[in-house]
Protein backbone atom coordinates (compact mmCIF):
# COMPACT_ATOMS: atom_id res chain seq x y z
CA MET A 1 0.21 -0.14 0.08
CA MET A 2 1.72 3.28 -0.98
CA LYS A 3 0.71 6.83 0.73
CA LYS A 4 1.50 9.90 -0.57
CA LEU A 5 2.82 12.47 2.07
CA LYS A 6 4.31 15.88 1.95
CA ILE A 7 7.56 16.60 3.63
CA THR A 8 9.39 20.20 4.21
CA VAL A 9 13.28 20.34 4.24
CA LEU A 10 14.68 23.39 4.40
CA GLY A 11 11.74 25.88 4.06
CA LYS A 12 11.06 23.88 0.45
CA SER A 13 8.17 21.21 0.47
CA TYR A 14 8.12 17.77 -1.67
CA GLU A 15 5.34 15.48 -2.27
CA VAL A 16 6.41 11.94 -1.58
CA LEU A 17 4.96 8.63 -2.20
CA VAL A 18 5.85 6.38 0.77
CA GLU A 19 5.34 2.60 0.77
CA ASP A 20 3.93 0.64 3.45
CA LEU A 21 5.72 -2.36 4.41
CA GLY A 22 4.04 -3.92 7.49
CA GLU A 23 5.30 -5.02 10.24
CA VAL A 24 9.25 -3.73 10.52
CA ARG A 25 11.89 -6.66 11.25
CA GLU A 26 15.09 -6.18 12.91
CA ALA A 27 18.22 -7.73 10.89
CA PRO A 28 19.81 -10.72 12.36
CA ALA A 29 22.62 -9.62 14.37
CA VAL A 30 26.10 -10.42 12.73
CA GLU A 31 28.64 -11.48 14.71
CA GLN A 32 31.60 -9.50 14.38
CA PRO A 33 35.08 -12.00 14.66
CA VAL A 34 37.34 -10.99 17.80
CA HIS A 35 40.92 -10.83 16.69
CA ALA A 36 43.08 -11.03 20.04
CA PRO A 37 45.32 -7.99 20.25
CA GLN A 38 48.31 -8.19 18.54
CA SER A 39 51.63 -8.09 20.90
CA VAL A 40 53.41 -4.58 19.63
CA PRO A 41 57.24 -4.87 21.12
CA LEU A 42 57.72 -1.91 23.57
CA ALA A 43 60.79 0.01 23.01
CA PRO A 44 62.73 -0.01 26.78
CA ILE A 45 62.60 3.63 28.03
CA GLU A 46 65.64 5.11 28.04
CA SER A 47 66.24 7.06 31.32
CA ALA A 48 68.41 10.12 31.26
CA PRO A 49 72.11 10.14 32.45
CA PRO A 50 72.63 11.28 35.80
CA THR A 51 73.42 14.89 36.38
CA GLU A 52 76.81 15.47 38.29
CA ILE A 53 75.95 18.35 40.09
CA THR A 54 79.53 20.94 40.30
CA ALA A 55 80.98 23.51 42.85
CA PRO A 56 80.60 26.55 40.59
CA MET A 57 83.42 28.25 43.05
CA SER A 58 85.74 27.29 45.91
CA GLY A 59 83.84 27.51 49.62
CA THR A 60 82.60 25.86 52.11
CA VAL A 61 79.51 23.77 52.79
CA SER A 62 77.17 25.43 54.79
CA VAL A 63 74.35 23.78 54.85
CA LEU A 64 73.54 20.44 53.19
CA SER A 65 69.51 20.27 52.30
CA VAL A 66 69.40 16.67 51.03
CA SER A 67 70.14 13.53 51.88
CA VAL A 68 70.38 10.36 49.49
CA GLY A 69 67.36 9.28 48.25
CA SER A 70 65.64 12.58 48.46
CA THR A 71 63.16 13.47 45.82
CA VAL A 72 64.29 17.06 44.14
CA HIS A 73 62.04 19.51 41.91
CA ALA A 74 64.06 21.61 39.75
CA GLY A 75 65.08 25.11 41.37
CA GLU A 76 64.85 23.44 44.45
CA SER A 77 68.17 24.41 46.72
CA LEU A 78 70.55 21.16 47.05
CA LEU A 79 72.95 23.31 49.19
CA VAL A 80 74.65 26.55 49.84
CA LEU A 81 78.18 27.30 49.38
CA GLU A 82 80.32 29.59 51.29
CA ALA A 83 82.61 32.20 50.08
CA MET A 84 83.94 35.49 51.34
CA LYS A 85 80.99 35.63 53.70
CA MET A 86 78.38 35.31 50.75
CA GLN A 87 76.16 32.13 50.49
CA ASN A 88 75.38 30.85 47.32
CA THR A 89 72.55 28.77 46.68
CA ILE A 90 73.26 25.31 44.47
CA PRO A 91 69.99 24.74 42.92
CA ALA A 92 68.77 21.56 41.54
CA PRO A 93 68.94 21.53 37.21
CA LYS A 94 66.20 19.26 36.85
CA ASP A 95 63.48 16.98 38.92
CA GLY A 96 65.09 13.86 40.14
CA THR A 97 66.36 11.85 43.04
CA VAL A 98 69.69 12.36 44.98
CA ARG A 99 72.14 9.35 44.02
CA GLU A 100 75.19 10.18 45.88
CA ILE A 101 76.70 12.86 48.00
CA PHE A 102 80.32 13.72 48.06
CA VAL A 103 80.13 16.60 50.41
CA ARG A 104 79.30 17.11 54.14
CA LYS A 105 78.16 20.41 55.81
CA GLY A 106 81.59 22.07 56.74
CA ASP A 107 83.51 20.53 54.03
CA ASN A 108 85.88 22.91 51.86
CA VAL A 109 85.57 22.58 47.97
CA SER A 110 87.35 23.80 44.19
CA ALA A 111 85.80 24.83 41.50
CA GLY A 112 84.77 21.97 39.26
CA GLU A 113 84.82 19.64 42.24
CA THR A 114 81.61 17.14 42.27
CA LEU A 115 79.44 17.80 44.84
CA LEU A 116 76.33 15.44 44.26
CA ILE A 117 74.68 12.93 41.53
CA LEU A 118 71.32 13.85 40.57
CA ASP A 119 69.02 10.62 38.37
């Protein structure tokens, strides 16, 4: 049985003939094949090499703010060197963990001497 209908699209009217099919049945579900996820080899995570923190000048370690295993953030004070009554804070250049410390409070250090290692 055909039905005549009027539809309007974007302000323009159209007359259409539509066939009435009666009861509409849903199409049977089609099973989709299940694929096992493919294994993708992962590249090893390369960690940044440790950072050696050296003394920018000769002086005395007046404050040691960290210990081995401390987690630090870039800019955070690691230690303070004192030279000619001036205190110079040595900041962490990056986020990381203190792996080794080679100085103690009161130690005299030379310019370029390794103070600590930061992972």
